[in-house]
Amino acid sequence: RSVYRSAAKNQDRILTMMSFIQENYVEKLTLEQIADAASISTRECLRCFHTTINTTPIQYLKQYRIQQAAHQLVFSNDKISDIASKCGFQDMSYFTKTFKQLKNCVPSEYRTLNSQQQ
């Protein structure tokens, strides 16, 4: 019974923190801010992300930013550097490196490959 309650509590917290990330991903977010969104400690925040979705809050943030950037690459004609900064990346080379890690190609390739499918 307490395991179920604990899982439900984790579920509420993770949803709160994920919503916070999705609403604020453009900003420079810290682990503390993400934890504060659910009124928990950073340690509890890390544990909650790990046990619920098997990643860290910062990794989730990065993945969400890249997901948003990928969408904008395909559905807008904005410059890649503008998309990067609109998605919370201040450093273009970090954006490109992170994008390549998660999508297996650089942003310009991604745009070219996926725009043809429109």
Protein backbone atom coordinates (compact mmCIF):
# COMPACT_ATOMS: atom_id res chain seq x y z
CA ARG A 1 0.00 0.00 0.00
CA SER A 2 2.73 2.48 0.87
CA VAL A 3 4.64 1.41 -2.28
CA TYR A 4 1.60 2.37 -4.35
CA ARG A 5 1.28 5.71 -2.54
CA SER A 6 4.98 6.37 -3.06
CA ALA A 7 4.69 5.59 -6.79
CA ALA A 8 1.69 7.91 -7.09
CA LYS A 9 3.61 10.65 -5.29
CA ASN A 10 6.56 10.17 -7.65
CA GLN A 11 4.17 10.30 -10.61
CA ASP A 12 2.72 13.64 -9.45
CA ARG A 13 6.18 15.06 -8.82
CA ILE A 14 7.59 13.92 -12.14
CA LEU A 15 4.62 15.35 -14.03
CA THR A 16 5.01 18.66 -12.20
CA MET A 17 8.74 18.82 -12.95
CA MET A 18 8.31 17.76 -16.58
CA SER A 19 5.64 20.42 -17.07
CA PHE A 20 7.95 22.99 -15.50
CA ILE A 21 10.73 21.98 -17.92
CA GLN A 22 8.39 22.08 -20.91
CA GLU A 23 7.13 25.54 -19.97
CA ASN A 24 10.60 26.97 -19.23
CA TYR A 25 13.01 25.05 -21.49
CA VAL A 26 14.07 28.26 -23.25
CA GLU A 27 15.48 29.60 -19.96
CA LYS A 28 18.75 28.59 -18.35
CA LEU A 29 17.36 26.01 -15.91
CA THR A 30 19.15 24.52 -12.94
CA LEU A 31 18.53 21.30 -11.04
CA GLU A 32 17.52 23.46 -8.05
CA GLN A 33 14.81 25.24 -10.06
CA ILE A 34 13.44 21.95 -11.36
CA ALA A 35 13.36 20.49 -7.83
CA ASP A 36 11.76 23.68 -6.46
CA ALA A 37 8.93 23.33 -8.99
CA ALA A 38 7.84 20.20 -7.10
CA SER A 39 8.90 21.53 -3.68
CA ILE A 40 11.48 18.79 -3.16
CA SER A 41 15.24 18.59 -2.62
CA THR A 42 17.64 18.22 -5.55
CA ARG A 43 18.54 14.74 -4.29
CA GLU A 44 14.87 13.71 -4.24
CA CYS A 45 14.43 15.26 -7.70
CA LEU A 46 17.29 13.15 -9.09
CA ARG A 47 15.92 10.01 -7.42
CA CYS A 48 12.44 10.70 -8.71
CA PHE A 49 13.61 11.15 -12.33
CA HIS A 50 15.82 8.08 -12.08
CA THR A 51 13.16 5.75 -10.66
CA THR A 52 10.29 7.07 -12.80
CA ILE A 53 11.77 7.71 -16.27
CA ASN A 54 15.33 6.42 -15.87
CA THR A 55 17.13 9.65 -16.76
CA THR A 56 18.30 12.83 -15.05
CA PRO A 57 16.35 16.10 -15.04
CA ILE A 58 19.10 17.81 -17.04
CA GLN A 59 19.20 14.98 -19.59
CA TYR A 60 15.41 15.22 -19.93
CA LEU A 61 15.75 18.99 -20.43
CA LYS A 62 18.37 18.46 -23.16
CA GLN A 63 16.23 15.85 -24.89
CA TYR A 64 13.18 18.12 -24.76
CA ARG A 65 15.16 21.06 -26.18
CA ILE A 66 16.46 18.91 -29.05
CA GLN A 67 12.95 17.60 -29.72
CA GLN A 68 11.68 21.20 -29.98
CA ALA A 69 14.62 22.20 -32.18
CA ALA A 70 14.05 19.22 -34.49
CA HIS A 71 10.41 20.24 -34.90
CA GLN A 72 11.38 23.83 -35.72
CA LEU A 73 14.06 22.69 -38.19
CA VAL A 74 11.40 20.87 -40.20
CA PHE A 75 8.46 23.26 -39.81
CA SER A 76 10.15 26.66 -39.98
CA ASN A 77 12.67 28.41 -42.19
CA ASP A 78 14.43 30.06 -39.24
CA LYS A 79 18.20 30.06 -39.21
CA ILE A 80 19.67 27.13 -37.30
CA SER A 81 21.44 29.49 -34.88
CA ASP A 82 18.10 31.21 -34.13
CA ILE A 83 16.41 27.88 -33.50
CA ALA A 84 19.27 26.86 -31.19
CA SER A 85 18.92 29.98 -29.04
CA LYS A 86 15.09 29.77 -29.08
CA CYS A 87 15.45 26.26 -27.65
CA GLY A 88 17.73 27.30 -24.80
CA PHE A 89 21.16 26.66 -26.34
CA GLN A 90 23.52 29.61 -25.99
CA ASP A 91 26.48 27.85 -27.58
CA MET A 92 26.11 26.77 -31.22
CA SER A 93 28.79 24.06 -31.08
CA TYR A 94 27.21 22.55 -27.95
CA PHE A 95 23.83 22.59 -29.70
CA THR A 96 25.26 20.82 -32.77
CA LYS A 97 27.12 18.25 -30.64
CA THR A 98 24.04 17.52 -28.50
CA PHE A 99 21.79 17.37 -31.56
CA LYS A 100 24.12 14.88 -33.25
CA GLN A 101 24.28 12.71 -30.10
CA LEU A 102 20.50 12.46 -29.90
CA LYS A 103 19.52 12.48 -33.61
CA ASN A 104 22.58 10.89 -35.23
CA CYS A 105 23.04 13.79 -37.63
CA VAL A 106 23.76 17.51 -37.45
CA PRO A 107 20.88 20.04 -37.56
CA SER A 108 21.41 21.02 -41.21
CA GLU A 109 21.35 17.36 -42.31
CA TYR A 110 18.24 16.77 -40.20
CA ARG A 111 16.48 19.70 -41.86
CA THR A 112 17.43 18.52 -45.35
CA LEU A 113 16.45 14.90 -44.73
CA ASN A 114 13.12 15.68 -43.07
CA SER A 115 11.97 18.64 -45.14
CA GLN A 116 11.85 16.49 -48.25
CA GLN A 117 9.24 14.34 -46.58
CA GLN A 118 6.77 17.23 -46.33
